[in-house]
Amino acid sequence: MGKRLGTVWGMMTAVGCVLFAGEYEVRGAGVDKFFGLTNLWEVRIQISAEQWAMIEPKTPQRGPGRMGPPGLDGGPGGADRAADRGAGGEGRPGAGRPFGPPPVGMGMGPGMGPGPGRVEFPMVKGSIQIGGETISDVGLRFKGNSSFNFARNSLKKSFKIDFDETVKGQNFRGLTKLNLNNNAMDATLVRESVAYEVFRRAGIPAARTAFARVYLTVPGAHENRFLGVYTVVEQLDKTFVKRAMGGEETLLMKPERTRGIPYLGEEWERYAERLGVKLKGTKAQRQGFVAFAKWLKETETDAAAFERGLEERVDVRELLRFVALNGMLANLDSFLSSGHNFYIAVSPSTGKVMWLPWDLNEAFGRFRMGASVSDMIDLSVAHPYAGNDALLDRVLAVPRFRSMYEQECGELQQGAFEERSVIGFLESAAQVVAEVAAAEFNITKEAYLANAVGVGAVAGVGGSRGEGRVEGGKGGMPQAGDFGRMRADQGGMSLVEWTRKRVTSVRAQLAGEKEGVVPRGMRGPMGVGRGRALGRTGGLGCGGGVDRPNRGVV
């Protein structure tokens, strides 16, 4: 019978109060009870050997990372040699992934951008069991950019689940799609889920999440192979739009390598290709968006007209809150820098353009672009985006909108990004996944908690290892150097310690007591430049005090 672990949580102690529930079947719960920061579900995927042989993308991968051809360390057609390197057997998640993310700095992965270099992931057929409920004949494919590349030689890849790919109308609790994200670059395993929680608490429409311990069966190759802890992420689709945005018809786009809103002429097809349309919305919404892009172009030299007309076309407060919160979370693999991992939508209720977060696995300063950990702690709140951005520069140059931005920053600091709140989320989520994480990394539960959130025993000392507590978690010998890698990636700090320092820096910048660090653009030299502080010492830093070494990169 399917079990769910962790249904009650709080922040009455340093680690939060997490109680483990008894048996609980997902089939007895609606989708609202399925998602939750402290929900951990058992998920079992089964794919035939024939289908598994077709799941790999055919186009060679680009950029650095742990890559290799199919057949290596768990890839289709391979002997899964990584499982034989130690004593772990089926209990070890594929490819012996070390306890800690791969090196910072990555190339653009398989899903990046439109055009001939884009890699398409083949959809195959299989079945999935979630919390004891089996759904057959579902579509499954790999997904991700850097998260795919860095898991290239591992079984633990991210999956897209399409419930009605082969059986039209089939769904899971009303959902037609789900994402299983592999936490490839996050050894704490909780960054993405907590970041989404913070966005939702800020009133920004964002996906809901849960956790899953995932197993894979491919007859003749893998039998109930334990893959590890995944983050389950709600798909942004019509179901999401209806729930989170209050409407049926919405224009929804997922741009890649695009910052700002380019004017591409009057033909909608150009926008559909460039901006990655996911839901085409109504004809009026499409025409309105083209008109908006044209208006932005026409007002480039008329600041007064821009200020007068922007609020009629854009949910300005939502945009400013979106920018501020991405900045506070030091989430640069996003709208702020890399020009992807976000959606643009037209609100079904107001008709205004708004921005939505996506792929938050590198929040909390993980995507550093060659900068130091301390630079990410001090990332500018005034100018959190890299280089110059044609739209944001214009918005924040308007004194009235600049004041609104300062107000949003202040409210976030006291609300969704308040220190006790964010740390409570981190600690509660870590408690829920700790036992499964211990089995995945072959360390003690106490070591995981100490490294991830600074709770309990000194890393690697004391407690009992996770083997045997999770089905398939047979453990094995600890990996040399595993215990230091999580803290090393955060400059010797747990994620909670990093967050405390980040909140302190944000508070000082808002008070005008400290300068922030302005990120440079994605092209040219990586790194950061110094920017002016908010408040008494220079407003938003959109003027002369900002280092913009890559002016012209939009």
Protein backbone atom coordinates (compact mmCIF):
# COMPACT_ATOMS: atom_id res chain seq x y z
CA MET A 1 0.00 0.00 0.00
CA GLY A 2 1.33 3.45 -0.88
CA LYS A 3 2.67 5.45 2.01
CA ARG A 4 3.10 9.16 2.44
CA LEU A 5 5.70 10.41 4.89
CA GLY A 6 5.51 13.74 6.61
CA THR A 7 2.14 15.47 6.70
CA VAL A 8 2.35 17.76 9.68
CA TRP A 9 4.97 20.43 10.05
CA GLY A 10 5.63 23.61 11.92
CA MET A 11 8.30 26.03 12.95
CA MET A 12 8.11 25.77 16.74
CA THR A 13 11.66 24.42 17.00
CA ALA A 14 14.84 25.00 15.09
CA VAL A 15 14.13 22.12 12.75
CA GLY A 16 10.35 22.38 12.57
CA CYS A 17 7.96 19.77 13.89
CA VAL A 18 7.67 16.94 11.40
CA LEU A 19 5.44 14.01 12.28
CA PHE A 20 5.40 10.88 10.17
CA ALA A 21 1.94 9.73 9.23
CA GLY A 22 0.86 6.14 8.93
CA GLU A 23 -0.34 4.51 5.75
CA TYR A 24 -2.05 6.88 3.41
CA GLU A 25 -3.19 6.19 -0.13
CA VAL A 26 -3.00 8.92 -2.72
CA ARG A 27 -6.12 7.54 -4.39
CA GLY A 28 -8.05 8.70 -1.32
CA ALA A 29 -6.85 12.28 -1.68
CA GLY A 30 -7.51 15.08 -4.11
CA VAL A 31 -4.73 16.83 -5.95
CA ASP A 32 -4.58 19.60 -3.34
CA LYS A 33 -3.53 17.02 -0.75
CA PHE A 34 -1.07 15.45 -3.15
CA PHE A 35 1.08 18.57 -3.33
CA GLY A 36 2.79 19.95 -0.27
CA LEU A 37 6.25 20.97 0.93
CA THR A 38 6.31 18.11 3.41
CA ASN A 39 4.71 15.38 1.29
CA LEU A 40 6.93 12.48 0.27
CA TRP A 41 5.43 9.91 -2.10
CA GLU A 42 6.62 6.59 -3.42
CA VAL A 43 6.77 6.57 -7.23
CA ARG A 44 7.53 3.50 -9.34
CA ILE A 45 8.17 3.75 -13.08
CA GLN A 46 8.10 0.73 -15.39
CA ILE A 47 9.24 0.84 -19.02
CA SER A 48 9.72 -2.11 -21.37
CA ALA A 49 13.21 -2.84 -22.65
CA GLU A 50 12.09 -1.94 -26.19
CA GLN A 51 10.73 1.44 -25.10
CA TRP A 52 13.73 2.11 -22.86
CA ALA A 53 16.04 1.65 -25.84
CA MET A 54 14.27 4.55 -27.58
CA ILE A 55 14.21 7.08 -24.73
CA GLU A 56 17.60 8.74 -25.29
CA PRO A 57 17.78 11.92 -27.40
CA LYS A 58 19.55 11.35 -30.68
CA THR A 59 21.34 14.70 -31.01
CA PRO A 60 24.78 14.91 -29.35
CA GLN A 61 24.80 17.02 -26.19
CA ARG A 62 26.46 20.40 -25.98
CA GLY A 63 28.42 22.01 -23.20
CA PRO A 64 30.39 20.62 -20.25
CA GLY A 65 29.05 18.25 -17.66
CA ARG A 66 28.81 14.57 -16.98
CA MET A 67 27.98 13.46 -20.46
CA GLY A 68 28.53 10.39 -22.51
CA PRO A 69 26.93 8.19 -25.12
CA PRO A 70 24.09 5.81 -24.32
CA GLY A 71 25.31 2.62 -22.75
CA LEU A 72 27.51 4.19 -20.08
CA ASP A 73 26.64 3.84 -16.41
CA GLY A 74 22.95 3.19 -16.63
CA GLY A 75 22.15 4.56 -20.06
CA PRO A 76 19.96 2.45 -22.33
CA GLY A 77 21.92 -0.42 -23.79
CA GLY A 78 24.60 -0.29 -21.11
CA ALA A 79 25.60 -2.71 -18.40
CA ASP A 80 25.02 -0.16 -15.63
CA ARG A 81 28.64 -0.50 -14.66
CA ALA A 82 28.46 2.20 -12.00
CA ALA A 83 26.35 -0.03 -9.77
CA ASP A 84 29.16 -2.58 -9.74
CA ARG A 85 31.83 -0.15 -8.57
CA GLY A 86 30.89 -0.56 -4.94
CA ALA A 87 28.88 -2.80 -2.69
CA GLY A 88 25.66 -0.92 -3.22
CA GLY A 89 24.04 -3.04 -5.92
CA GLU A 90 20.43 -2.13 -6.55
CA GLY A 91 20.39 0.09 -3.49
CA ARG A 92 22.72 2.65 -5.01
CA PRO A 93 21.18 5.29 -7.24
CA GLY A 94 22.61 4.80 -10.74
CA ALA A 95 26.08 5.92 -11.68
CA GLY A 96 27.41 6.44 -8.17
CA ARG A 97 26.53 10.14 -8.12
CA PRO A 98 28.77 11.85 -5.54
CA PHE A 99 27.33 13.67 -2.55
CA GLY A 100 27.41 17.15 -3.96
CA PRO A 101 26.68 19.05 -7.16
CA PRO A 102 29.00 19.02 -10.15
CA PRO A 103 31.34 21.97 -10.67
CA VAL A 104 29.79 25.38 -11.17
CA GLY A 105 29.76 26.57 -14.77
CA MET A 106 27.83 24.87 -17.49
CA GLY A 107 26.98 24.96 -21.16
CA MET A 108 23.55 25.25 -22.60
CA GLY A 109 21.84 21.91 -22.51
CA PRO A 110 19.54 19.96 -24.76
CA GLY A 111 16.42 22.03 -24.38
CA MET A 112 17.94 25.44 -24.95
CA GLY A 113 16.40 27.76 -27.43
CA PRO A 114 14.66 27.32 -30.73
CA GLY A 115 16.56 26.42 -33.84
CA PRO A 116 18.41 23.53 -35.43
CA GLY A 117 20.57 22.80 -32.36
CA ARG A 118 17.62 22.08 -30.13
CA VAL A 119 17.41 18.54 -28.82
CA GLU A 120 14.06 16.81 -28.67
CA PHE A 121 13.49 14.09 -26.10
CA PRO A 122 11.61 11.07 -27.51
CA MET A 123 8.38 10.19 -25.72
CA VAL A 124 8.02 6.49 -24.86
CA LYS A 125 5.24 4.46 -23.28
CA GLY A 126 5.26 2.95 -19.81
CA SER A 127 3.37 2.83 -16.55
CA ILE A 128 3.72 4.69 -13.28
CA GLN A 129 2.59 3.98 -9.75
CA ILE A 130 2.16 6.97 -7.43
CA GLY A 131 1.40 6.28 -3.80
CA GLY A 132 -0.10 2.90 -4.66
CA GLU A 133 -2.21 4.08 -7.60
CA THR A 134 -1.10 2.66 -10.97
CA ILE A 135 -1.67 4.52 -14.22
CA SER A 136 -0.86 2.48 -17.33
CA ASP A 137 0.00 3.55 -20.86
CA VAL A 138 1.42 6.92 -19.93
CA GLY A 139 3.96 8.90 -21.94
CA LEU A 140 7.40 9.31 -20.39
CA ARG A 141 10.44 11.19 -21.56
CA PHE A 142 13.60 12.70 -20.15
CA LYS A 143 13.67 16.45 -19.61
CA GLY A 144 15.99 19.23 -18.59
CA ASN A 145 18.96 21.25 -19.75
CA SER A 146 21.89 21.27 -17.33
CA SER A 147 20.05 18.82 -15.07
CA PHE A 148 20.03 16.33 -17.94
CA ASN A 149 23.63 16.93 -18.96
CA PHE A 150 24.96 16.55 -15.44
CA ALA A 151 23.05 13.28 -15.03
CA ARG A 152 24.05 12.10 -18.49
CA ASN A 153 25.84 8.99 -17.20
CA SER A 154 23.37 8.29 -14.43
CA LEU A 155 20.00 6.59 -14.19
CA LYS A 156 18.75 9.48 -12.08
CA LYS A 157 17.45 11.70 -14.87
CA SER A 158 14.47 14.03 -14.75
CA PHE A 159 11.21 12.77 -16.28
CA LYS A 160 8.17 14.37 -17.86
CA ILE A 161 5.04 12.28 -17.26
CA ASP A 162 2.20 12.73 -19.77
CA PHE A 163 -0.85 10.83 -18.56
CA ASP A 164 -2.95 11.30 -21.69
CA GLU A 165 -0.23 10.90 -24.31
CA THR A 166 -1.57 7.52 -25.45
CA VAL A 167 -4.94 7.34 -23.67
CA LYS A 168 -6.77 10.58 -24.38
CA GLY A 169 -8.49 12.01 -21.35
CA GLN A 170 -6.50 9.91 -18.88
CA ASN A 171 -5.32 11.91 -15.89
CA PHE A 172 -3.98 11.68 -12.36
CA ARG A 173 -6.13 13.58 -9.87
CA GLY A 174 -7.16 15.91 -12.70
CA LEU A 175 -3.59 16.49 -13.85
CA THR A 176 -2.55 15.54 -17.38
CA LYS A 177 1.20 16.10 -16.79
CA LEU A 178 3.72 15.97 -13.97
CA ASN A 179 7.44 16.64 -13.74
CA LEU A 180 9.88 14.52 -11.76
CA ASN A 181 12.98 16.69 -11.30
CA ASN A 182 16.18 14.94 -10.26
CA ASN A 183 17.79 17.64 -8.06
CA ALA A 184 20.96 17.00 -10.06
CA MET A 185 22.83 20.10 -8.94
CA ASP A 186 21.45 20.34 -5.44
CA ALA A 187 22.86 18.02 -2.82
CA THR A 188 20.45 19.47 -0.24
CA LEU A 189 17.56 18.23 -2.47
CA VAL A 190 15.23 20.99 -1.20
CA ARG A 191 16.20 24.19 -3.04
CA GLU A 192 13.57 23.95 -5.76
CA SER A 193 10.62 23.02 -3.58
CA VAL A 194 11.33 25.77 -1.04
CA ALA A 195 11.88 28.41 -3.73
CA TYR A 196 8.48 27.60 -5.26
CA GLU A 197 6.95 27.82 -1.78
CA VAL A 198 8.43 31.29 -1.29
CA PHE A 199 7.09 32.48 -4.66
CA ARG A 200 3.61 31.22 -3.85
CA ARG A 201 3.74 32.88 -0.43
CA ALA A 202 4.58 36.12 -2.22
CA GLY A 203 1.35 35.87 -4.22
CA ILE A 204 3.05 35.05 -7.53
CA PRO A 205 1.36 32.21 -9.47
CA ALA A 206 3.79 29.31 -9.25
CA ALA A 207 3.82 25.53 -9.54
CA ARG A 208 3.11 23.36 -6.52
CA THR A 209 5.55 20.66 -5.49
CA ALA A 210 5.98 17.49 -3.46
CA PHE A 211 8.84 15.03 -2.94
CA ALA A 212 9.12 11.48 -4.23
CA ARG A 213 11.36 8.51 -3.69
CA VAL A 214 11.54 7.03 -7.17
CA TYR A 215 12.17 3.49 -8.41
CA LEU A 216 12.71 2.30 -11.98
CA THR A 217 11.99 -1.10 -13.52
CA VAL A 218 13.18 -2.07 -16.99
CA PRO A 219 12.74 -5.85 -17.37
CA GLY A 220 16.07 -7.55 -17.88
CA ALA A 221 18.06 -4.46 -16.90
CA HIS A 222 16.75 -2.82 -13.73
CA GLU A 223 14.39 -4.30 -11.16
CA ASN A 224 12.84 -1.73 -8.80
CA ARG A 225 16.07 0.26 -8.98
CA PHE A 226 16.09 2.99 -6.33
CA LEU A 227 16.93 6.27 -8.09
CA GLY A 228 16.74 8.66 -5.15
CA VAL A 229 14.85 11.76 -4.04
CA TYR A 230 13.01 13.73 -6.72
CA THR A 231 11.04 16.96 -6.62
CA VAL A 232 7.55 16.56 -8.12
CA VAL A 233 6.59 19.78 -9.91
CA GLU A 234 3.17 20.76 -11.21
CA GLN A 235 3.03 21.45 -14.95
CA LEU A 236 2.14 24.96 -16.12
CA ASP A 237 -0.77 24.16 -18.42
CA LYS A 238 -4.52 24.74 -18.69
CA THR A 239 -5.15 23.05 -15.35
CA PHE A 240 -2.62 25.31 -13.67
CA VAL A 241 -4.00 28.41 -15.35
CA LYS A 242 -7.52 27.63 -14.18
CA ARG A 243 -6.37 27.01 -10.60
CA ALA A 244 -3.74 29.71 -10.15
CA MET A 245 -4.88 32.45 -12.52
CA GLY A 246 -8.64 32.12 -12.52
CA GLY A 247 -9.37 31.55 -16.19
CA GLU A 248 -9.68 29.02 -18.96
CA GLU A 249 -8.03 30.73 -21.93
CA THR A 250 -4.56 32.19 -21.46
CA LEU A 251 -1.65 32.99 -23.72
CA LEU A 252 1.29 31.20 -22.08
CA MET A 253 4.86 31.34 -23.41
CA LYS A 254 8.19 29.87 -22.30
CA PRO A 255 11.01 31.87 -23.90
CA GLU A 256 14.57 30.62 -24.17
CA ARG A 257 17.59 32.90 -24.33
CA THR A 258 15.27 35.87 -24.45
CA ARG A 259 15.19 38.87 -22.15
CA GLY A 260 12.66 41.63 -22.58
CA ILE A 261 9.86 41.63 -25.14
CA PRO A 262 11.18 41.91 -28.71
CA TYR A 263 9.10 43.45 -31.47
CA LEU A 264 9.13 40.95 -34.35
CA GLY A 265 6.63 42.55 -36.69
CA GLU A 266 2.90 42.01 -37.09
CA GLU A 267 2.89 38.28 -37.82
CA TRP A 268 2.04 36.20 -34.77
CA GLU A 269 3.91 33.15 -36.06
CA ARG A 270 7.24 34.90 -35.43
CA TYR A 271 6.38 35.38 -31.77
CA ALA A 272 5.09 31.82 -31.42
CA GLU A 273 8.43 30.44 -32.60
CA ARG A 274 10.70 32.88 -30.76
CA LEU A 275 8.86 32.90 -27.43
CA GLY A 276 7.94 29.24 -27.20
CA VAL A 277 4.16 29.34 -27.06
CA LYS A 278 2.68 26.64 -24.80
CA LEU A 279 -0.94 27.82 -24.74
CA LYS A 280 -2.07 29.98 -27.64
CA GLY A 281 -4.90 31.68 -25.74
CA THR A 282 -7.48 33.71 -27.60
CA LYS A 283 -7.05 35.62 -30.84
CA ALA A 284 -7.55 38.85 -28.89
CA GLN A 285 -4.77 37.92 -26.46
CA ARG A 286 -2.37 37.15 -29.30
CA GLN A 287 -3.20 40.37 -31.10
CA GLY A 288 -2.88 42.28 -27.84
CA PHE A 289 0.55 40.85 -27.18
CA VAL A 290 1.80 41.85 -30.64
CA ALA A 291 0.40 45.33 -30.05
CA PHE A 292 2.19 45.45 -26.69
CA ALA A 293 5.54 44.54 -28.26
CA LYS A 294 4.99 47.23 -30.91
CA TRP A 295 4.07 49.79 -28.24
CA LEU A 296 7.28 49.02 -26.33
CA LYS A 297 9.24 49.70 -29.51
CA GLU A 298 7.36 52.90 -30.28
CA THR A 299 7.86 54.33 -26.78
CA GLU A 300 11.60 53.67 -26.57
CA THR A 301 12.31 57.40 -26.88
CA ASP A 302 9.20 58.65 -25.06
CA ALA A 303 9.57 58.01 -21.32
CA ALA A 304 6.40 59.89 -20.46
CA ALA A 305 4.25 57.77 -22.80
CA PHE A 306 5.92 54.64 -21.45
CA GLU A 307 5.09 55.58 -17.87
CA ARG A 308 1.50 56.52 -18.73
CA GLY A 309 0.74 53.36 -20.63
CA LEU A 310 2.69 50.58 -18.93
CA GLU A 311 0.22 49.80 -16.14
CA GLU A 312 -2.56 49.37 -18.72
CA ARG A 313 -0.56 46.57 -20.34
CA VAL A 314 1.58 44.99 -17.60
CA ASP A 315 0.86 43.93 -14.03
CA VAL A 316 3.70 46.18 -12.89
CA ARG A 317 3.61 45.25 -9.22
CA GLU A 318 3.70 41.55 -10.08
CA LEU A 319 6.68 42.13 -12.40
CA LEU A 320 8.55 44.10 -9.74
CA ARG A 321 7.81 41.48 -7.09
CA PHE A 322 8.93 38.74 -9.49
CA VAL A 323 12.25 40.52 -10.15
CA ALA A 324 12.83 41.33 -6.48
CA LEU A 325 12.15 37.80 -5.26
CA ASN A 326 14.36 36.19 -7.92
CA GLY A 327 17.05 38.58 -6.74
CA MET A 328 16.56 37.87 -3.05
CA LEU A 329 16.74 34.13 -3.77
CA ALA A 330 19.89 34.77 -5.84
CA ASN A 331 18.26 32.83 -8.68
CA LEU A 332 20.35 33.82 -11.69
CA ASP A 333 19.59 30.82 -13.92
CA SER A 334 16.44 32.68 -14.83
CA PHE A 335 14.88 35.78 -16.29
CA LEU A 336 17.65 37.74 -14.50
CA SER A 337 20.62 36.35 -16.39
CA SER A 338 20.43 33.28 -18.61
CA GLY A 339 17.18 34.38 -20.26
CA HIS A 340 15.26 31.18 -19.62
CA ASN A 341 13.45 29.27 -16.86
CA PHE A 342 10.43 31.55 -16.75
CA TYR A 343 7.03 31.91 -18.40
CA ILE A 344 5.25 34.95 -19.79
CA ALA A 345 1.47 34.91 -19.53
CA VAL A 346 -1.47 37.14 -20.31
CA SER A 347 -3.74 37.20 -17.28
CA PRO A 348 -7.17 35.76 -18.19
CA SER A 349 -8.83 38.13 -15.72
CA THR A 350 -7.04 41.44 -16.37
CA GLY A 351 -5.53 40.96 -19.84
CA LYS A 352 -2.21 42.24 -18.50
CA VAL A 353 1.18 40.63 -19.16
CA MET A 354 2.82 38.90 -16.20
CA TRP A 355 5.86 36.71 -15.46
CA LEU A 356 5.92 33.29 -13.75
CA PRO A 357 8.86 31.32 -12.29
CA TRP A 358 10.09 27.94 -13.52
CA ASP A 359 12.99 25.51 -12.89
CA LEU A 360 14.13 26.89 -9.54
CA ASN A 361 16.68 24.15 -8.86
CA GLU A 362 19.56 26.65 -8.82
CA ALA A 363 17.96 29.17 -6.48
CA PHE A 364 19.74 30.13 -3.25
CA GLY A 365 22.87 31.14 -5.12
CA ARG A 366 23.67 27.86 -6.87
CA PHE A 367 24.11 29.36 -10.38
CA ARG A 368 27.14 31.56 -9.81
CA MET A 369 28.49 32.30 -13.31
CA GLY A 370 32.04 32.17 -11.99
CA ALA A 371 31.33 34.45 -9.04
CA SER A 372 32.15 33.53 -5.45
CA VAL A 373 29.75 32.31 -2.78
CA SER A 374 30.16 35.60 -0.93
CA ASP A 375 29.28 37.51 -4.11
CA MET A 376 26.03 35.57 -4.33
CA ILE A 377 25.26 36.30 -0.68
CA ASP A 378 25.69 40.00 -1.50
CA LEU A 379 23.91 39.91 -4.88
CA SER A 380 22.45 43.33 -5.52
CA VAL A 381 18.80 43.81 -4.64
CA ALA A 382 18.88 47.10 -6.50
CA HIS A 383 20.16 45.59 -9.75
CA PRO A 384 19.90 41.79 -9.51
CA TYR A 385 19.83 41.20 -13.26
CA ALA A 386 22.91 40.73 -15.44
CA GLY A 387 24.09 43.49 -17.71
CA ASN A 388 21.30 45.64 -19.06
CA ASP A 389 17.74 44.59 -19.78
CA ALA A 390 15.79 46.76 -22.19
CA LEU A 391 12.50 46.39 -20.31
CA LEU A 392 13.71 46.39 -16.70
CA ASP A 393 16.06 49.31 -17.25
CA ARG A 394 13.14 51.38 -18.56
CA VAL A 395 10.77 50.33 -15.79
CA LEU A 396 13.22 51.03 -12.97
CA ALA A 397 14.26 54.37 -14.48
CA VAL A 398 10.76 55.70 -13.75
CA PRO A 399 10.81 57.21 -10.21
CA ARG A 400 7.26 56.06 -9.44
CA PHE A 401 8.00 52.46 -10.47
CA ARG A 402 11.33 52.59 -8.64
CA SER A 403 9.47 53.53 -5.46
CA MET A 404 7.06 50.64 -6.06
CA TYR A 405 10.04 48.31 -6.39
CA GLU A 406 11.47 49.51 -3.07
CA GLN A 407 8.08 48.97 -1.47
CA GLU A 408 7.84 45.44 -2.86
CA CYS A 409 11.35 44.66 -1.58
CA GLY A 410 10.43 45.87 1.89
CA GLU A 411 7.24 43.84 1.96
CA LEU A 412 9.02 40.69 0.79
CA GLN A 413 11.68 41.12 3.44
CA GLN A 414 9.01 41.17 6.12
CA GLY A 415 6.81 38.54 4.47
CA ALA A 416 7.67 35.78 2.01
CA PHE A 417 11.44 36.28 2.40
CA GLU A 418 11.38 36.79 6.16
CA GLU A 419 14.26 34.86 7.73
CA ARG A 420 12.35 32.58 10.11
CA SER A 421 9.83 31.74 7.42
CA VAL A 422 12.34 30.71 4.74
CA ILE A 423 14.56 28.81 7.16
CA GLY A 424 11.50 27.05 8.57
CA PHE A 425 10.63 25.87 5.06
CA LEU A 426 14.18 24.63 4.46
CA GLU A 427 14.38 22.75 7.74
CA SER A 428 10.94 21.19 7.42
CA ALA A 429 11.58 19.99 3.86
CA ALA A 430 15.00 18.59 4.80
CA GLN A 431 13.50 16.65 7.70
CA VAL A 432 11.02 15.01 5.34
CA VAL A 433 13.61 13.82 2.82
CA ALA A 434 16.45 13.12 5.28
CA GLU A 435 16.02 9.37 5.62
CA VAL A 436 15.67 8.78 1.87
CA ALA A 437 18.55 11.18 1.19
CA ALA A 438 20.72 9.19 3.59
CA ALA A 439 19.97 6.04 1.60
CA GLU A 440 20.63 7.83 -1.70
CA PHE A 441 24.00 9.24 -0.63
CA ASN A 442 24.95 6.33 1.65
CA ILE A 443 25.56 8.54 4.66
CA THR A 444 23.87 9.01 8.01
CA LYS A 445 20.62 10.90 8.33
CA GLU A 446 22.37 13.15 10.84
CA ALA A 447 25.16 13.88 8.38
CA TYR A 448 22.68 14.84 5.69
CA LEU A 449 20.84 17.23 8.02
CA ALA A 450 24.05 18.76 9.33
CA ASN A 451 25.36 19.43 5.84
CA ALA A 452 22.07 20.49 4.29
CA VAL A 453 20.55 22.69 6.96
CA GLY A 454 23.03 22.75 9.83
CA VAL A 455 20.95 20.57 12.13
CA GLY A 456 22.12 17.83 14.48
CA ALA A 457 25.38 15.89 14.40
CA VAL A 458 28.66 17.02 12.92
CA ALA A 459 28.84 15.89 9.29
CA GLY A 460 29.67 12.21 8.99
CA VAL A 461 29.70 11.55 12.75
CA GLY A 462 27.21 9.61 14.82
CA GLY A 463 23.80 8.21 14.04
CA SER A 464 22.83 5.25 11.92
CA ARG A 465 23.23 5.16 8.15
CA GLY A 466 20.22 5.26 5.90
CA GLU A 467 20.58 1.76 4.47
CA GLY A 468 17.65 -0.55 5.09
CA ARG A 469 15.24 2.25 6.01
CA VAL A 470 14.17 2.73 2.41
CA GLU A 471 13.40 -0.21 0.18
CA GLY A 472 16.42 -0.77 -2.00
CA GLY A 473 18.65 1.33 0.24
CA LYS A 474 21.34 -1.26 0.84
CA GLY A 475 24.04 1.32 1.30
CA GLY A 476 27.68 0.39 0.98
CA MET A 477 30.98 2.06 1.80
CA PRO A 478 30.91 5.87 2.12
CA GLN A 479 32.40 7.77 -0.80
CA ALA A 480 35.69 9.51 0.00
CA GLY A 481 35.14 13.25 0.31
CA ASP A 482 31.34 13.01 0.20
CA PHE A 483 30.79 14.65 3.55
CA GLY A 484 32.57 17.87 2.63
CA ARG A 485 31.09 18.52 -0.79
CA MET A 486 27.72 19.88 0.22
CA ARG A 487 29.18 22.53 2.51
CA ALA A 488 32.01 23.24 0.09
CA ASP A 489 29.50 24.19 -2.59
CA GLN A 490 28.05 26.77 -0.17
CA GLY A 491 31.43 28.12 0.94
CA GLY A 492 31.60 25.83 3.96
CA MET A 493 28.06 26.67 5.06
CA SER A 494 24.83 24.74 5.26
CA LEU A 495 21.97 26.11 3.17
CA VAL A 496 20.40 27.54 6.31
CA GLU A 497 23.62 29.36 7.19
CA TRP A 498 23.85 30.70 3.64
CA THR A 499 20.25 31.88 3.83
CA ARG A 500 20.82 33.71 7.11
CA LYS A 501 23.74 35.57 5.57
CA ARG A 502 21.73 36.36 2.45
CA VAL A 503 18.81 37.73 4.48
CA THR A 504 21.24 39.86 6.49
CA SER A 505 22.76 41.26 3.30
CA VAL A 506 19.34 42.01 1.82
CA ARG A 507 18.33 43.80 5.01
CA ALA A 508 21.52 45.90 4.97
CA GLN A 509 21.09 46.79 1.30
CA LEU A 510 17.49 47.86 1.86
CA ALA A 511 18.63 50.04 4.76
CA GLY A 512 21.28 51.69 2.59
CA GLU A 513 24.08 50.29 4.74
CA LYS A 514 25.73 48.01 2.18
CA GLU A 515 26.53 47.81 -1.50
CA GLY A 516 25.20 44.95 -3.55
CA VAL A 517 27.05 42.96 -6.21
CA VAL A 518 25.69 43.39 -9.74
CA PRO A 519 25.99 40.29 -11.98
CA ARG A 520 27.55 40.59 -15.40
CA GLY A 521 25.98 39.28 -18.58
CA MET A 522 26.05 35.71 -19.83
CA ARG A 523 28.34 36.61 -22.73
CA GLY A 524 31.88 37.78 -22.27
CA PRO A 525 33.71 37.49 -18.94
CA MET A 526 31.80 35.83 -16.15
CA GLY A 527 31.71 37.46 -12.75
CA VAL A 528 30.20 40.42 -10.98
CA GLY A 529 30.52 44.15 -10.58
CA ARG A 530 29.76 46.37 -7.62
CA GLY A 531 26.48 48.27 -7.55
CA ARG A 532 25.05 50.89 -5.27
CA ALA A 533 22.77 50.15 -2.35
CA LEU A 534 19.08 50.72 -1.99
CA GLY A 535 17.67 53.39 0.25
CA ARG A 536 19.70 56.31 1.52
CA THR A 537 22.80 55.80 -0.59
CA GLY A 538 21.57 55.81 -4.14
CA GLY A 539 18.09 54.46 -4.74
CA LEU A 540 17.83 51.39 -6.92
CA GLY A 541 21.30 51.48 -8.35
CA CYS A 542 20.00 51.95 -11.88
CA GLY A 543 22.10 55.05 -12.36
CA GLY A 544 25.76 55.95 -12.37
CA GLY A 545 26.87 53.66 -9.56
CA VAL A 546 26.13 50.41 -11.37
CA ASP A 547 28.83 48.38 -13.07
CA ARG A 548 27.47 47.27 -16.44
CA PRO A 549 30.46 45.71 -18.19
CA ASN A 550 28.29 44.11 -20.86
CA ARG A 551 26.13 47.01 -21.96
CA GLY A 552 24.42 46.00 -25.16
CA VAL A 553 23.79 42.41 -24.09
CA VAL A 554 20.02 42.22 -23.63
